[in-house]
Structure formats: structure tokens, C-alpha cells
């Protein structure tokens, strides 16, 4: 394990378009992709420290650049998810309302809403008349209405 003195630091995102290929990969679930300061282990076993600007949320395909120039591709981990699928748009809007009022991160696609598996949320949505499906996949929820402040209310 690297000590803080010799830990390779990552402090910025690289421009995806300028990176022909990365030479390292970092696979993280969504909960860890929204932490801007943490110690992580790359797929090659190398440990690095993330010191990204506060509020940074990493997305699948983002490229990080370490202080030594190492390019690291971010990959979304496979996670256990729940989804509701419906052709009734009013029902989906009701689901969005109830998930949003609980500040639940949600991935919204046409006729589909996905969220981290949670039996309490599953039960709530079933009571609204939606069928809940469980699956494994990558999770890329909506980023929020306020750029750079996805977890803070503005009053």
C-alpha cells in the first residue's frame, strides 16, 4: 500500500477528445464516482489518490490525468438496480415525483426509471401500480438541476 508521500495523485479530468487511449482503468460504482477525494485502486492494482474539485461526479468514459501524466479511464461498475417500465407517462411521472421527493438518484430513459435496489422503494412504486424489475447494470443517474451542486439546496 502506498503511503501519502508516494501516492500517485489525480487532480483533474483530461479532455476525452484529446486522449486517444488510456493506459489504466478505474471501475467504480456510482456512490464512489461522486466522491471527489478518496484513495482508489486501479484495475492494474496501482493505488492512486483522487483530489478532484469538490462536486465532481465521474461518468462512465471520463478520463482522469494523474500528476505524472498517466491517463485513467473511468468505467461504471455493474450494480444491482431496480427499474420500473411503463407506457403510462402519468404513472412514470408519479414515480419520478415520489423518488425525487426522497432525493433518490434516478436514471431516466424513455418509459423507464432505474435506481439502486431498495425493497422499501420497490414496495412504494408497486403500491403506485408499477411493476418493478431487478437487473444488474451500470448506473448513470440524472446529475441534478444545479450544475456543480448536485447535493446542495439553494435557498
Protein backbone atom coordinates (compact mmCIF):
# COMPACT_ATOMS: atom_id res chain seq x y z
CA UNK A 1 0.00 0.00 0.00
CA UNK A 2 1.28 3.42 -0.90
CA UNK A 3 1.85 5.95 1.83
CA UNK A 4 0.61 9.52 1.35
CA UNK A 5 4.16 10.63 0.47
CA UNK A 6 4.44 8.34 -2.57
CA UNK A 7 0.75 8.01 -3.52
CA UNK A 8 0.18 8.97 -7.16
CA UNK A 9 -2.30 11.86 -7.17
CA UNK A 10 -5.06 12.58 -9.68
CA UNK A 11 -6.26 16.17 -9.59
CA UNK A 12 -8.05 16.75 -12.90
CA UNK A 13 -10.15 15.36 -15.70
CA UNK A 14 -8.45 15.08 -19.07
CA UNK A 15 -10.16 16.05 -22.32
CA UNK A 16 -11.77 12.87 -23.67
CA UNK A 17 -11.28 14.03 -27.25
CA UNK A 18 -7.54 14.53 -26.83
CA UNK A 19 -6.96 11.11 -25.25
CA UNK A 20 -6.56 8.50 -27.96
CA UNK A 21 -6.42 5.80 -25.33
CA UNK A 22 -5.85 5.49 -21.64
CA UNK A 23 -3.37 3.08 -20.16
CA UNK A 24 -5.19 2.39 -16.89
CA UNK A 25 -8.78 1.75 -15.86
CA UNK A 26 -10.72 2.64 -12.75
CA UNK A 27 -14.03 0.83 -12.19
CA UNK A 28 -16.30 2.40 -9.58
CA UNK A 29 -19.96 2.19 -8.57
CA UNK A 30 -21.95 5.43 -8.68
CA UNK A 31 -21.67 6.05 -4.92
CA UNK A 32 -17.87 6.24 -5.25
CA UNK A 33 -17.90 8.13 -8.57
CA UNK A 34 -19.44 11.09 -6.74
CA UNK A 35 -16.66 11.34 -4.13
CA UNK A 36 -14.04 13.84 -5.20
CA UNK A 37 -11.46 12.93 -2.55
CA UNK A 38 -10.61 9.29 -1.98
CA UNK A 39 -7.98 6.59 -2.29
CA UNK A 40 -8.78 4.09 -5.07
CA UNK A 41 -7.20 1.03 -6.66
CA UNK A 42 -6.92 0.84 -10.45
CA UNK A 43 -7.61 -2.38 -12.34
CA UNK A 44 -3.84 -2.95 -12.64
CA UNK A 45 -3.55 -2.91 -8.83
CA UNK A 46 -1.97 0.55 -8.58
CA UNK A 47 -3.28 2.72 -5.78
CA UNK A 48 -3.93 6.40 -6.52
CA UNK A 49 -5.38 9.33 -4.63
CA UNK A 50 -8.22 11.33 -6.13
CA UNK A 51 -8.14 15.03 -5.25
CA UNK A 52 -10.67 16.35 -7.74
CA UNK A 53 -12.54 19.65 -7.45
CA UNK A 54 -15.41 19.43 -4.94
CA UNK A 55 -18.68 18.44 -6.58
CA UNK A 56 -17.03 16.42 -9.35
CA UNK A 57 -19.11 13.42 -10.39
CA UNK A 58 -17.27 10.95 -12.58
CA UNK A 59 -19.18 9.46 -15.52
CA UNK A 60 -18.56 6.29 -17.48
CA UNK A 61 -15.94 7.10 -20.11
CA UNK A 62 -14.40 10.09 -18.32
CA UNK A 63 -10.61 10.23 -18.46
CA UNK A 64 -8.54 11.30 -15.47
CA UNK A 65 -4.99 12.59 -15.64
CA UNK A 66 -2.54 11.89 -12.83
CA UNK A 67 0.15 14.42 -11.94
CA UNK A 68 2.71 12.23 -13.78
CA UNK A 69 0.60 12.30 -16.98
CA UNK A 70 -0.92 8.82 -16.57
CA UNK A 71 -4.33 8.69 -18.27
CA UNK A 72 -7.01 6.70 -16.42
CA UNK A 73 -10.34 5.75 -17.98
CA UNK A 74 -13.30 5.72 -15.60
CA UNK A 75 -15.73 2.82 -16.04
CA UNK A 76 -19.09 2.50 -14.29
CA UNK A 77 -19.27 -0.70 -12.23
CA UNK A 78 -22.10 -3.19 -12.66
CA UNK A 79 -24.58 -2.61 -9.83
CA UNK A 80 -27.82 -4.15 -8.55
CA UNK A 81 -30.62 -1.93 -9.81
CA UNK A 82 -34.39 -1.74 -9.81
CA UNK A 83 -36.39 -0.37 -12.72
CA UNK A 84 -39.96 0.50 -13.48
CA UNK A 85 -41.08 0.40 -17.10
CA UNK A 86 -44.46 1.72 -18.18
CA UNK A 87 -46.15 3.14 -21.23
CA UNK A 88 -48.41 5.22 -18.96
CA UNK A 89 -46.48 8.50 -18.75
CA UNK A 90 -48.57 9.76 -15.81
CA UNK A 91 -47.57 6.72 -13.79
CA UNK A 92 -43.89 7.32 -14.60
CA UNK A 93 -44.24 10.98 -13.64
CA UNK A 94 -45.73 9.94 -10.30
CA UNK A 95 -42.79 7.57 -9.78
CA UNK A 96 -40.33 10.41 -10.56
CA UNK A 97 -42.15 12.68 -8.11
CA UNK A 98 -42.00 10.16 -5.26
CA UNK A 99 -38.37 9.17 -5.91
CA UNK A 100 -37.35 12.82 -6.25
CA UNK A 101 -39.08 13.86 -3.04
CA UNK A 102 -36.88 11.28 -1.30
CA UNK A 103 -33.73 12.56 -3.09
CA UNK A 104 -33.20 9.15 -4.71
CA UNK A 105 -30.72 9.25 -7.61
CA UNK A 106 -32.60 8.06 -10.69
CA UNK A 107 -31.57 7.17 -14.21
CA UNK A 108 -34.39 8.25 -16.51
CA UNK A 109 -34.85 6.86 -20.01
CA UNK A 110 -37.88 6.78 -22.28
CA UNK A 111 -40.56 4.69 -20.49
CA UNK A 112 -38.06 3.60 -17.80
CA UNK A 113 -36.74 4.78 -14.43
CA UNK A 114 -33.86 2.96 -12.72
CA UNK A 115 -32.49 3.35 -9.19
CA UNK A 116 -30.35 1.39 -6.73
CA UNK A 117 -32.21 -1.67 -5.50
CA UNK A 118 -34.11 -0.91 -2.32
CA UNK A 119 -37.02 -3.04 -1.15
CA UNK A 120 -38.77 -0.07 0.50
CA UNK A 121 -38.70 1.94 -2.75
CA UNK A 122 -39.72 -1.14 -4.73
CA UNK A 123 -42.74 -1.61 -2.46
CA UNK A 124 -43.70 2.09 -2.71
CA UNK A 125 -43.65 2.01 -6.51
CA UNK A 126 -45.57 -1.27 -6.65
CA UNK A 127 -48.26 0.35 -4.49
CA UNK A 128 -48.49 3.10 -7.12
CA UNK A 129 -49.32 0.38 -9.66
CA UNK A 130 -45.91 -0.04 -11.30
CA UNK A 131 -44.15 -3.32 -11.93
CA UNK A 132 -40.62 -3.36 -10.50
CA UNK A 133 -37.88 -5.31 -12.28
CA UNK A 134 -34.46 -6.15 -10.84
CA UNK A 135 -31.36 -6.25 -13.01
CA UNK A 136 -27.60 -5.71 -12.97
CA UNK A 137 -26.15 -2.86 -15.00
CA UNK A 138 -24.27 0.42 -14.96
CA UNK A 139 -25.91 3.36 -13.21
CA UNK A 140 -25.77 6.90 -14.64
CA UNK A 141 -28.43 8.92 -12.81
CA UNK A 142 -29.53 12.45 -13.65
CA UNK A 143 -26.97 15.00 -12.50
CA UNK A 144 -29.40 17.45 -10.93
CA UNK A 145 -30.77 20.84 -11.81
CA UNK A 146 -27.92 22.91 -10.39
CA UNK A 147 -24.55 22.40 -12.13
CA UNK A 148 -21.75 21.72 -9.68
CA UNK A 149 -24.04 21.42 -6.69
CA UNK A 150 -25.80 18.10 -7.09
CA UNK A 151 -26.30 17.56 -3.35
CA UNK A 152 -26.99 21.06 -2.06
CA UNK A 153 -30.19 23.05 -1.94
CA UNK A 154 -30.02 26.67 -2.99
CA UNK A 155 -32.25 28.96 -0.92
